[in-house]
Each structure stands twice: as C-alpha cells, then as structure tokens.
Amino acid sequence: MSSRFSWLCAVLLLAGCTADEPAATNADKASTPDTTLTVTSPDFVEGAPIPADFTCAGAGKAPSIAWTGDTKGAAALAVVVDDPDAPSGTYVHWIVLDLPAGTTSLRDGDKVTQGKNSSSGKGWTPPCPPSGTHHYRFTVYGLSRPTGLGDGAGRQEALDAISKSAVTSGRLTGLVTH
C-alpha cells in the first residue's frame, strides 16, 4: 500500500467519512468540540417533525431553543441552523453570533448579531425542502472568545470564526418533509 493511500485512509477514518455520508462542510467542522450542551425546544423534540408554522408552509418564524450544560467557561455563544440534506450541499438557515456567555435561550425576534445565511440574507430562513425528509440541525456553540463580527457578516467568515473558537457544543435536530 502506498504511503499516500495510507495517509488518505487515515484522514478519512479520522474525519468519519463513509461513502454514504457527505464530506464535512465548514458548518460541520464547527461541530467538532466537546459536546456538553443539551439543546431543547418548546416547539419540537429531538428527531421529531418541526411544526409547519416554523416552515415556508406556515408563518415561517424561527422556533425557540434553549440550552443547558457546561459552557466550558465560554466567553460568548453562537447558534448555527443548517440542513445537511439540501441538494446543493449543506444549507445554512441561520447564524447567530456573539451571544453573551450567560444566555440560555433564543427566540424569534430577539435582538441578536446575525451572519448571512445561504440565501445571502441575515436572519432566519424557514425550512422549505424541495422533496423528501430533511434534518434541520440547531447547534449551539460555546466560544472561547467572541467572533467580533458585525451584523450581516459573511456566511463563510462567520462559520470559520465559530469553528476557530468553539470549545463546546450541543445540537437539536428537527425534521421537515415535503
């Protein structure tokens, strides 16, 4: 076996990639810190359908989320909502940056700093899958330092900043079927 092939196999093994899973995106890479937060919602439970009111079929408002657990002394928090099942690759629906460290929930309408989503707008883009069942991941990150990015920061810039300083995370996944 060539050393190049051995190296590639080791990288893929460490990355957890298989033929059935897409390669990690930057949104996925930010989810690698220790998972010590428990994320919940009063609007849906883990692995269950997200009610239509929170999708393009309804009012399209963002569901409320809350989190508990060890923030590992985080200096700030961030939230990323994405859909890894989107036809063109992971679609980012919402990026919230630099929440104060003591924050324990996020509701639609809260005044927050937001990065641009995959629609190039800031704020929540409601789920509207073209077909099939999609998994919407609501991930909360504890950051070792605030990103320092302003409202409307670019999607990639925001995801990279979160990835670089994430020390803990937690995730809630809801489903939408079209």
Protein backbone atom coordinates (compact mmCIF):
# COMPACT_ATOMS: atom_id res chain seq x y z
CA MET A 1 0.00 0.00 0.00
CA SER A 2 1.45 3.39 -0.93
CA SER A 3 2.12 5.91 1.82
CA ARG A 4 -0.18 8.39 0.07
CA PHE A 5 -3.06 5.90 0.11
CA SER A 6 -2.38 5.04 3.77
CA TRP A 7 -2.36 8.72 4.65
CA LEU A 8 -5.66 9.30 2.80
CA CYS A 9 -7.29 6.34 4.55
CA ALA A 10 -6.14 7.64 7.93
CA VAL A 11 -7.52 11.11 7.19
CA LEU A 12 -10.88 9.70 6.06
CA LEU A 13 -11.07 7.43 9.08
CA LEU A 14 -10.35 10.30 11.46
CA ALA A 15 -12.87 12.52 9.67
CA GLY A 16 -15.54 9.83 9.99
CA CYS A 17 -16.39 9.94 6.28
CA THR A 18 -18.02 7.00 4.55
CA ALA A 19 -19.30 6.52 1.06
CA ASP A 20 -22.83 7.17 2.37
CA GLU A 21 -22.03 10.47 4.09
CA PRO A 22 -21.12 13.80 2.51
CA ALA A 23 -17.73 15.26 3.29
CA ALA A 24 -17.70 17.68 6.22
CA THR A 25 -18.62 21.26 5.44
CA ASN A 26 -17.42 24.24 7.43
CA ALA A 27 -20.72 24.14 9.32
CA ASP A 28 -19.94 20.51 10.20
CA LYS A 29 -16.33 21.28 11.14
CA ALA A 30 -17.51 23.78 13.74
CA SER A 31 -19.36 20.93 15.46
CA THR A 32 -16.19 19.06 16.49
CA PRO A 33 -15.71 20.47 20.02
CA ASP A 34 -16.71 18.56 23.12
CA THR A 35 -20.50 18.14 23.14
CA THR A 36 -21.61 19.12 26.61
CA LEU A 37 -24.67 21.27 25.93
CA THR A 38 -28.21 19.93 25.77
CA VAL A 39 -30.34 21.84 23.29
CA THR A 40 -34.14 21.70 23.51
CA SER A 41 -37.15 23.50 22.08
CA PRO A 42 -40.68 24.06 23.40
CA ASP A 43 -41.78 23.80 19.76
CA PHE A 44 -40.49 20.31 18.82
CA VAL A 45 -38.45 17.45 20.29
CA GLU A 46 -35.26 15.78 19.08
CA GLY A 47 -35.81 13.80 15.88
CA ALA A 48 -39.44 14.89 15.51
CA PRO A 49 -41.09 16.99 12.81
CA ILE A 50 -40.82 20.76 13.10
CA PRO A 51 -44.38 22.17 13.07
CA ALA A 52 -45.46 23.79 9.79
CA ASP A 53 -45.75 27.20 11.48
CA PHE A 54 -41.92 27.35 11.51
CA THR A 55 -41.54 26.44 7.82
CA CYS A 56 -42.31 28.10 4.48
CA ALA A 57 -45.69 26.32 4.59
CA GLY A 58 -46.66 28.39 7.64
CA ALA A 59 -45.71 31.70 9.22
CA GLY A 60 -42.01 30.89 8.78
CA LYS A 61 -40.96 32.14 12.20
CA ALA A 62 -37.93 30.67 13.95
CA PRO A 63 -38.59 28.06 16.64
CA SER A 64 -37.45 28.90 20.15
CA ILE A 65 -34.49 26.95 21.53
CA ALA A 66 -32.89 26.69 24.94
CA TRP A 67 -29.73 25.03 26.22
CA THR A 68 -28.24 23.79 29.44
CA GLY A 69 -24.92 22.27 30.40
CA ASP A 70 -21.28 23.12 30.82
CA THR A 71 -20.26 26.00 28.57
CA LYS A 72 -16.58 25.30 29.39
CA GLY A 73 -16.12 28.90 30.52
CA ALA A 74 -17.22 30.25 27.13
CA ALA A 75 -16.77 33.97 26.56
CA ALA A 76 -19.64 34.02 24.02
CA LEU A 77 -22.13 31.72 22.33
CA ALA A 78 -23.16 31.19 18.72
CA VAL A 79 -26.02 29.32 17.04
CA VAL A 80 -25.99 27.77 13.57
CA VAL A 81 -29.06 26.18 11.99
CA ASP A 82 -28.35 24.15 8.89
CA ASP A 83 -29.73 21.44 6.62
CA PRO A 84 -27.15 18.84 5.58
CA ASP A 85 -29.68 17.21 3.22
CA ALA A 86 -30.00 20.17 0.85
CA PRO A 87 -29.48 19.16 -2.80
CA SER A 88 -26.52 21.54 -3.34
CA GLY A 89 -24.79 20.73 -0.04
CA THR A 90 -25.34 21.94 3.50
CA TYR A 91 -27.69 24.93 3.52
CA VAL A 92 -27.26 27.39 6.39
CA HIS A 93 -30.61 28.76 7.57
CA TRP A 94 -29.44 30.98 10.44
CA ILE A 95 -26.23 32.16 12.08
CA VAL A 96 -26.37 33.99 15.40
CA LEU A 97 -23.08 35.40 16.68
CA ASP A 98 -21.62 36.54 19.99
CA LEU A 99 -24.49 35.95 22.35
CA PRO A 100 -23.46 36.83 25.92
CA ALA A 101 -21.96 33.84 27.74
CA GLY A 102 -24.83 33.60 30.24
CA THR A 103 -27.52 33.35 27.56
CA THR A 104 -29.61 30.17 27.82
CA SER A 105 -32.23 30.61 25.10
CA LEU A 106 -33.01 32.16 21.75
CA ARG A 107 -36.45 33.19 20.49
CA ASP A 108 -37.71 34.57 17.20
CA GLY A 109 -37.50 38.35 17.42
CA ASP A 110 -34.62 38.52 19.93
CA LYS A 111 -32.19 41.34 19.12
CA VAL A 112 -29.02 39.47 18.10
CA THR A 113 -26.00 39.79 15.81
CA GLN A 114 -26.59 37.62 12.75
CA GLY A 115 -24.37 36.40 9.96
CA LYS A 116 -25.59 35.89 6.41
CA ASN A 117 -27.33 32.62 5.65
CA SER A 118 -27.16 30.60 2.44
CA SER A 119 -29.76 32.93 0.89
CA SER A 120 -27.23 35.78 1.38
CA GLY A 121 -29.57 37.49 3.80
CA LYS A 122 -29.27 37.77 7.54
CA GLY A 123 -31.79 36.24 9.84
CA TRP A 124 -33.84 33.09 9.82
CA THR A 125 -34.70 31.39 6.53
CA PRO A 126 -37.54 28.93 7.21
CA PRO A 127 -37.17 25.32 6.09
CA CYS A 128 -38.67 24.61 2.67
CA PRO A 129 -37.19 21.34 1.40
CA PRO A 130 -37.80 20.59 -2.29
CA SER A 131 -38.58 16.92 -1.62
CA GLY A 132 -38.09 14.16 0.90
CA THR A 133 -37.24 14.47 4.58
CA HIS A 134 -34.58 16.97 5.65
CA HIS A 135 -32.77 17.19 9.01
CA TYR A 136 -32.54 20.71 10.44
CA ARG A 137 -29.69 20.97 12.96
CA PHE A 138 -29.88 23.66 15.63
CA THR A 139 -26.34 23.74 17.02
CA VAL A 140 -25.28 25.93 19.93
CA TYR A 141 -21.55 26.61 20.34
CA GLY A 142 -19.64 27.87 23.36
CA LEU A 143 -16.83 30.10 22.06
CA SER A 144 -13.51 30.73 23.80
CA ARG A 145 -13.75 34.33 22.58
CA PRO A 146 -16.36 36.42 20.76
CA THR A 147 -16.05 36.38 16.98
CA GLY A 148 -16.09 40.19 16.92
CA LEU A 149 -18.00 40.09 13.65
CA GLY A 150 -20.70 42.62 12.94
CA ASP A 151 -24.31 42.16 11.98
CA GLY A 152 -24.51 40.84 8.42
CA ALA A 153 -21.07 39.18 8.46
CA GLY A 154 -20.45 36.84 5.53
CA ARG A 155 -21.56 33.23 5.97
CA GLN A 156 -18.14 31.66 5.45
CA GLU A 157 -16.40 34.25 7.61
CA ALA A 158 -18.89 33.63 10.42
CA LEU A 159 -18.65 29.82 10.19
CA ASP A 160 -14.83 30.00 10.16
CA ALA A 161 -14.80 32.28 13.22
CA ILE A 162 -17.12 29.91 15.09
CA SER A 163 -15.01 26.90 14.10
CA LYS A 164 -11.79 28.53 15.29
CA SER A 165 -13.05 29.33 18.78
CA ALA A 166 -15.66 26.63 19.54
CA VAL A 167 -14.90 24.83 22.81
CA THR A 168 -18.23 23.10 23.39
CA SER A 169 -21.47 22.45 21.56
CA GLY A 170 -24.86 20.83 21.63
CA ARG A 171 -27.39 20.04 18.95
CA LEU A 172 -31.12 19.58 18.45
CA THR A 173 -32.33 18.10 15.16
CA GLY A 174 -35.84 18.53 13.77
CA LEU A 175 -37.34 17.13 10.58
CA VAL A 176 -39.30 18.67 7.74
CA THR A 177 -40.80 16.52 4.98
CA HIS A 178 -42.13 17.81 1.70
